């Protein structure tokens, strides 16, 4: 089913509205919630789902108003699945990834294979997957010139990179800001338990016109109050403190109308200035609907947001 996106930039389906944002200087109009095609599921591949069930995840995302799909050469057959099931609508934005460890020839071959798998003549965004400080200079000197050629030819509209997952101090992103005019898009770790980007990085990226995608919003301990209670108990046993109780967190969020912990986390992440897209790899229809509904509720009240920052700003995600 082809989606009709409202000219005002908001597509409505059912009872919820999806917000669309301009992805930095790329000019791409993207849904605030994006469908991640990797993660623990790889669109259901790791659950051994049949293709009809996996394609239903793509259809569900489209019906919820998502127009942003994030895949990679390293995400199994997800590029092929998107190629077979995404409609050829210009409003749909596809981001795929390659590797900074490749030679220029290997990069070109891999990119051609990605386009063939996606059944597209061009891709909207091409990212280096897990760019590190060790590979940064090589990528800029040897590989980025090829990406610039492809961008000039219209074969990709923008390029950038994703951070290594454990790099919660954003060392690569800060390094890349020294070459801010080079990069169009960055995919960074940002969560209630990994807030470091909030304190300087996001404002710098916004000033530079760089599109920001975020990952790991509810990773591991933020999908339920029970999981949060488990993590707080582990931290307390390790001598970390002072810590809020899970009852305090629940009371704070319930008082401002949050139905559950994931809703609060998605609102915290998705409505931080400078964030354009929050990626979720969920393949559960109810979770996908809940995530979209959460973001449609807008930002958390300032007092609630301030309290969450105070409680959790020194936390780090566990990988």
Protein backbone atom coordinates (compact mmCIF):
# COMPACT_ATOMS: atom_id res chain seq x y z
CA UNK A 1 0.00 0.00 0.00
CA UNK A 2 1.45 3.37 -0.97
CA UNK A 3 1.16 5.99 1.72
CA UNK A 4 -0.09 9.49 1.09
CA UNK A 5 1.96 11.92 3.15
CA UNK A 6 0.22 15.14 4.04
CA UNK A 7 1.75 18.25 2.52
CA UNK A 8 1.98 19.76 6.01
CA UNK A 9 4.48 17.09 6.97
CA UNK A 10 2.27 15.00 9.27
CA UNK A 11 0.71 11.71 8.20
CA UNK A 12 -2.25 10.53 10.24
CA UNK A 13 -3.35 6.91 10.51
CA UNK A 14 -5.99 5.84 12.98
CA UNK A 15 -5.91 7.66 16.32
CA UNK A 16 -2.24 8.73 16.31
CA UNK A 17 -0.25 11.20 14.23
CA UNK A 18 3.29 10.69 13.06
CA UNK A 19 5.57 13.71 13.17
CA UNK A 20 7.95 14.37 10.27
CA UNK A 21 11.16 16.32 10.56
CA UNK A 22 13.77 17.65 8.15
CA UNK A 23 16.94 15.58 8.57
CA UNK A 24 19.47 18.36 8.96
CA UNK A 25 20.86 19.80 5.75
CA UNK A 26 19.92 16.67 3.75
CA UNK A 27 16.43 18.11 3.24
CA UNK A 28 14.94 14.62 3.67
CA UNK A 29 11.57 14.51 5.42
CA UNK A 30 11.72 11.68 7.95
CA UNK A 31 9.37 10.17 10.52
CA UNK A 32 10.48 10.70 14.11
CA UNK A 33 10.18 6.93 14.60
CA UNK A 34 12.28 4.85 12.23
CA UNK A 35 12.23 1.12 11.59
CA UNK A 36 15.54 -0.54 12.42
CA UNK A 37 16.09 -3.67 10.36
CA UNK A 38 18.91 -5.19 12.41
CA UNK A 39 19.01 -5.64 16.16
CA UNK A 40 18.07 -8.90 17.88
CA UNK A 41 15.43 -9.77 15.28
CA UNK A 42 16.63 -8.65 11.80
CA UNK A 43 12.99 -8.19 10.81
CA UNK A 44 12.11 -11.61 12.23
CA UNK A 45 14.87 -13.57 10.49
CA UNK A 46 16.42 -14.66 13.80
CA UNK A 47 13.02 -15.96 14.86
CA UNK A 48 12.83 -18.05 11.66
CA UNK A 49 9.70 -16.25 10.55
CA UNK A 50 8.36 -16.89 7.07
CA UNK A 51 8.59 -14.03 4.60
CA UNK A 52 4.88 -13.21 4.75
CA UNK A 53 5.18 -12.57 8.50
CA UNK A 54 8.37 -10.56 8.06
CA UNK A 55 6.85 -8.45 5.30
CA UNK A 56 3.91 -7.72 7.62
CA UNK A 57 6.35 -5.85 9.89
CA UNK A 58 7.23 -3.54 6.99
CA UNK A 59 3.55 -3.08 6.20
CA UNK A 60 2.78 -2.31 9.85
CA UNK A 61 5.52 0.32 9.92
CA UNK A 62 4.13 1.97 6.80
CA UNK A 63 0.59 1.95 8.17
CA UNK A 64 1.83 3.66 11.34
CA UNK A 65 3.33 6.41 9.19
CA UNK A 66 7.00 5.39 9.42
CA UNK A 67 8.87 6.39 6.27
CA UNK A 68 12.43 5.79 7.54
CA UNK A 69 14.04 2.35 7.23
CA UNK A 70 17.57 1.64 8.48
CA UNK A 71 19.36 -1.42 7.13
CA UNK A 72 22.91 -2.59 6.43
CA UNK A 73 25.02 -4.92 4.35
CA UNK A 74 25.61 -6.72 7.65
CA UNK A 75 21.93 -7.21 8.57
CA UNK A 76 21.35 -10.59 6.97
CA UNK A 77 18.87 -10.44 4.09
CA UNK A 78 17.14 -7.27 5.33
CA UNK A 79 18.15 -5.27 2.24
CA UNK A 80 16.62 -7.93 -0.01
CA UNK A 81 13.43 -7.99 2.07
CA UNK A 82 13.07 -4.21 1.86
CA UNK A 83 13.72 -4.40 -1.87
CA UNK A 84 10.87 -6.84 -2.33
CA UNK A 85 8.34 -5.22 -0.02
CA UNK A 86 8.91 -1.46 0.19
CA UNK A 87 6.80 0.41 -2.37
CA UNK A 88 8.73 2.68 -4.76
CA UNK A 89 7.35 5.86 -3.18
CA UNK A 90 9.62 8.92 -3.17
CA UNK A 91 8.53 9.72 0.39
CA UNK A 92 10.17 6.56 1.73
CA UNK A 93 13.70 7.08 3.04
CA UNK A 94 16.14 4.18 3.07
CA UNK A 95 19.47 4.24 4.90
CA UNK A 96 21.97 1.44 4.51
CA UNK A 97 25.46 0.81 5.82
CA UNK A 98 28.84 -0.33 4.63
CA UNK A 99 32.20 -0.83 6.37
CA UNK A 100 35.20 1.45 6.77
CA UNK A 101 37.52 -1.57 6.71
CA UNK A 102 36.92 -2.13 2.99
CA UNK A 103 39.15 -1.16 0.11
CA UNK A 104 37.74 1.37 -2.36
CA UNK A 105 37.06 -1.47 -4.81
CA UNK A 106 35.27 -3.53 -2.16
CA UNK A 107 33.27 -0.47 -1.12
CA UNK A 108 32.10 0.05 -4.71
CA UNK A 109 31.19 -3.61 -5.17
CA UNK A 110 29.29 -3.68 -1.89
CA UNK A 111 27.39 -0.50 -2.73
CA UNK A 112 26.35 -1.91 -6.10
CA UNK A 113 25.15 -5.06 -4.36
CA UNK A 114 23.16 -2.98 -1.87
CA UNK A 115 21.42 -1.09 -4.65
CA UNK A 116 20.61 -4.35 -6.42
CA UNK A 117 19.24 -5.92 -3.23
CA UNK A 118 17.15 -2.84 -2.44
CA UNK A 119 15.95 -2.71 -6.07
CA UNK A 120 16.86 0.96 -6.29
CA UNK A 121 18.98 3.11 -8.55
CA UNK A 122 19.99 5.20 -5.55
CA UNK A 123 19.86 5.15 -1.78
CA UNK A 124 18.93 8.08 0.41
CA UNK A 125 21.66 7.62 3.03
CA UNK A 126 24.86 5.57 3.06
CA UNK A 127 26.58 5.16 6.42
CA UNK A 128 29.79 3.59 7.63
CA UNK A 129 28.83 0.98 10.20
CA UNK A 130 30.57 1.42 13.59
CA UNK A 131 33.17 3.93 12.44
CA UNK A 132 36.03 4.06 14.95
CA UNK A 133 38.87 6.45 15.64
CA UNK A 134 41.21 3.76 14.30
CA UNK A 135 39.47 3.69 10.91
CA UNK A 136 38.39 7.33 10.72
CA UNK A 137 41.37 8.83 8.88
CA UNK A 138 41.51 5.95 6.39
CA UNK A 139 37.79 6.27 5.66
CA UNK A 140 38.06 10.02 5.08
CA UNK A 141 41.13 9.74 2.85
CA UNK A 142 40.31 6.62 0.83
CA UNK A 143 36.57 5.94 0.95
CA UNK A 144 34.74 9.22 1.41
CA UNK A 145 35.88 10.51 -2.03
CA UNK A 146 33.94 7.63 -3.59
CA UNK A 147 30.86 8.50 -1.55
CA UNK A 148 31.21 12.10 -2.66
CA UNK A 149 31.25 10.94 -6.29
CA UNK A 150 28.12 8.86 -5.75
CA UNK A 151 26.42 11.80 -4.07
CA UNK A 152 27.30 14.08 -7.02
CA UNK A 153 25.94 11.43 -9.40
CA UNK A 154 22.71 11.12 -7.43
CA UNK A 155 23.37 7.53 -6.36
CA UNK A 156 23.15 8.51 -2.68
CA UNK A 157 21.67 11.70 -1.32
CA UNK A 158 23.67 11.83 1.91
CA UNK A 159 26.36 9.94 3.78
CA UNK A 160 27.70 9.61 7.29
CA UNK A 161 28.36 6.96 9.92
CA UNK A 162 27.11 5.11 12.96
CA UNK A 163 29.07 5.15 16.21
CA UNK A 164 30.44 1.97 17.76
CA UNK A 165 27.83 0.85 20.28
CA UNK A 166 30.00 1.15 23.43
CA UNK A 167 31.23 4.67 22.49
CA UNK A 168 28.90 6.49 24.85
CA UNK A 169 31.31 9.39 25.20
CA UNK A 170 30.87 9.96 21.44
CA UNK A 171 34.58 10.23 20.68
CA UNK A 172 34.08 9.57 16.97
CA UNK A 173 31.25 12.09 16.66
CA UNK A 174 33.34 14.77 18.36
CA UNK A 175 36.24 13.96 16.04
CA UNK A 176 33.95 14.16 13.03
CA UNK A 177 32.79 17.62 14.06
CA UNK A 178 36.29 18.80 13.13
CA UNK A 179 35.22 17.87 9.58
CA UNK A 180 31.61 18.93 10.06
CA UNK A 181 31.15 19.96 6.45
CA UNK A 182 31.99 16.43 5.34
CA UNK A 183 29.27 14.47 7.13
CA UNK A 184 25.53 14.71 6.53
CA UNK A 185 24.18 12.17 9.03
CA UNK A 186 25.28 10.49 12.27
CA UNK A 187 23.70 7.54 14.07
CA UNK A 188 24.47 7.84 17.79
CA UNK A 189 23.68 6.10 21.06
CA UNK A 190 21.17 8.11 23.10
CA UNK A 191 18.90 6.93 25.89
CA UNK A 192 17.70 7.71 29.37
CA UNK A 193 20.64 5.56 30.50
CA UNK A 194 23.06 7.19 28.05
CA UNK A 195 22.45 10.93 28.09
CA UNK A 196 25.93 12.20 27.24
CA UNK A 197 24.94 13.51 23.79
CA UNK A 198 22.50 15.88 25.48
CA UNK A 199 25.28 17.89 27.11
CA UNK A 200 26.88 19.64 24.17
CA UNK A 201 27.08 17.20 21.26
CA UNK A 202 23.51 17.48 20.00
CA UNK A 203 23.61 21.27 19.96
CA UNK A 204 26.87 21.20 18.00
CA UNK A 205 25.44 18.73 15.49
CA UNK A 206 22.36 20.90 15.11
CA UNK A 207 24.49 23.99 14.48
CA UNK A 208 26.44 22.06 11.84
CA UNK A 209 23.24 20.96 10.09
CA UNK A 210 23.97 17.27 10.64
CA UNK A 211 21.04 14.86 10.70
CA UNK A 212 20.86 12.80 13.90
CA UNK A 213 19.54 9.27 14.17
CA UNK A 214 19.50 7.60 17.60
CA UNK A 215 19.68 3.97 18.70
CA UNK A 216 19.20 1.88 21.87
CA UNK A 217 16.40 3.99 23.39
CA UNK A 218 15.00 1.22 25.60
CA UNK A 219 17.87 -1.26 25.51
CA UNK A 220 17.87 -4.03 28.13
CA UNK A 221 16.67 -2.35 31.34
CA UNK A 222 14.22 0.26 30.11
CA UNK A 223 11.50 -1.89 28.57
CA UNK A 224 9.61 -2.29 31.87
CA UNK A 225 9.55 -1.15 35.50
CA UNK A 226 10.48 -4.69 36.55
CA UNK A 227 13.64 -4.59 34.44
CA UNK A 228 14.47 -1.13 35.80
CA UNK A 229 14.04 -2.40 39.37
CA UNK A 230 16.46 -5.25 38.61
CA UNK A 231 19.08 -2.86 37.26
CA UNK A 232 18.75 -0.41 40.14
CA UNK A 233 19.18 -3.30 42.59
CA UNK A 234 22.35 -4.42 40.77
CA UNK A 235 23.77 -0.91 40.90
CA UNK A 236 22.93 -0.54 44.58
CA UNK A 237 24.64 -3.87 45.34
CA UNK A 238 27.72 -2.58 43.51
CA UNK A 239 27.80 0.51 45.76
CA UNK A 240 26.43 2.97 43.19
CA UNK A 241 24.35 5.75 44.65
CA UNK A 242 22.36 7.68 45.48
CA UNK A 243 19.70 6.03 43.34
CA UNK A 244 15.97 6.59 42.96
CA UNK A 245 13.65 3.73 43.79
CA UNK A 246 11.56 2.23 41.03
CA UNK A 247 8.51 3.40 42.99
CA UNK A 248 9.75 7.00 42.76
CA UNK A 249 10.28 6.68 39.02
CA UNK A 250 6.86 5.09 38.53
CA UNK A 251 5.12 7.79 40.58
CA UNK A 252 6.86 10.60 38.68
CA UNK A 253 5.92 9.20 35.29
CA UNK A 254 2.40 8.13 36.24
CA UNK A 255 1.67 11.63 37.54
CA UNK A 256 2.41 13.11 34.11
CA UNK A 257 0.25 10.55 32.31
CA UNK A 258 2.85 8.09 31.00
CA UNK A 259 1.26 4.68 30.53
CA UNK A 260 4.54 2.82 31.04
CA UNK A 261 8.32 3.26 31.18
CA UNK A 262 8.99 2.85 27.42
CA UNK A 263 6.57 5.69 26.66
CA UNK A 264 8.54 8.02 28.92
CA UNK A 265 11.86 6.94 27.41
CA UNK A 266 10.71 7.43 23.82
CA UNK A 267 9.35 10.88 24.68
CA UNK A 268 12.57 11.76 26.52
CA UNK A 269 14.76 10.70 23.58
CA UNK A 270 12.59 11.67 20.62
CA UNK A 271 11.83 15.20 21.78
CA UNK A 272 15.35 16.21 22.71
CA UNK A 273 16.35 19.17 20.49
CA UNK A 274 18.68 18.00 17.76
CA UNK A 275 17.27 14.47 17.48
CA UNK A 276 15.54 13.73 14.19
CA UNK A 277 14.82 9.98 14.23
CA UNK A 278 14.54 7.40 17.01
CA UNK A 279 15.23 3.93 15.64
CA UNK A 280 13.39 0.90 16.98
CA UNK A 281 14.01 -2.64 15.82
CA UNK A 282 10.79 -4.02 17.28
CA UNK A 283 8.83 -6.50 15.18
CA UNK A 284 6.00 -6.76 17.72
CA UNK A 285 2.90 -5.03 16.34
CA UNK A 286 1.68 -3.86 19.75
CA UNK A 287 5.12 -2.48 20.64
CA UNK A 288 5.39 -0.68 17.31
CA UNK A 289 1.99 0.93 17.86
CA UNK A 290 2.89 1.89 21.43
CA UNK A 291 6.19 3.46 20.35
CA UNK A 292 4.47 5.53 17.68
CA UNK A 293 1.75 6.57 20.13
CA UNK A 294 4.35 7.54 22.75
CA UNK A 295 6.17 9.90 20.40
CA UNK A 296 2.89 11.46 19.32
CA UNK A 297 2.34 12.58 22.93
CA UNK A 298 5.04 15.21 22.63
CA UNK A 299 7.82 16.02 25.11
CA UNK A 300 7.68 15.23 28.78
CA UNK A 301 6.85 18.11 31.15
CA UNK A 302 10.04 20.11 31.86
CA UNK A 303 10.03 19.26 35.58
CA UNK A 304 9.78 15.54 34.82
CA UNK A 305 12.55 15.73 32.25
CA UNK A 306 14.78 17.61 34.69
CA UNK A 307 14.22 15.00 37.38
CA UNK A 308 15.06 12.14 34.99
CA UNK A 309 18.25 13.92 33.97
CA UNK A 310 19.20 14.38 37.60
CA UNK A 311 18.58 10.73 38.45
CA UNK A 312 20.19 9.08 35.43
CA UNK A 313 22.68 11.44 33.76
CA UNK A 314 25.70 9.46 35.00
CA UNK A 315 24.33 6.08 33.92
CA UNK A 316 25.71 4.15 30.96
CA UNK A 317 24.08 1.44 28.89
CA UNK A 318 25.45 -2.07 29.24
CA UNK A 319 26.49 -3.96 26.10
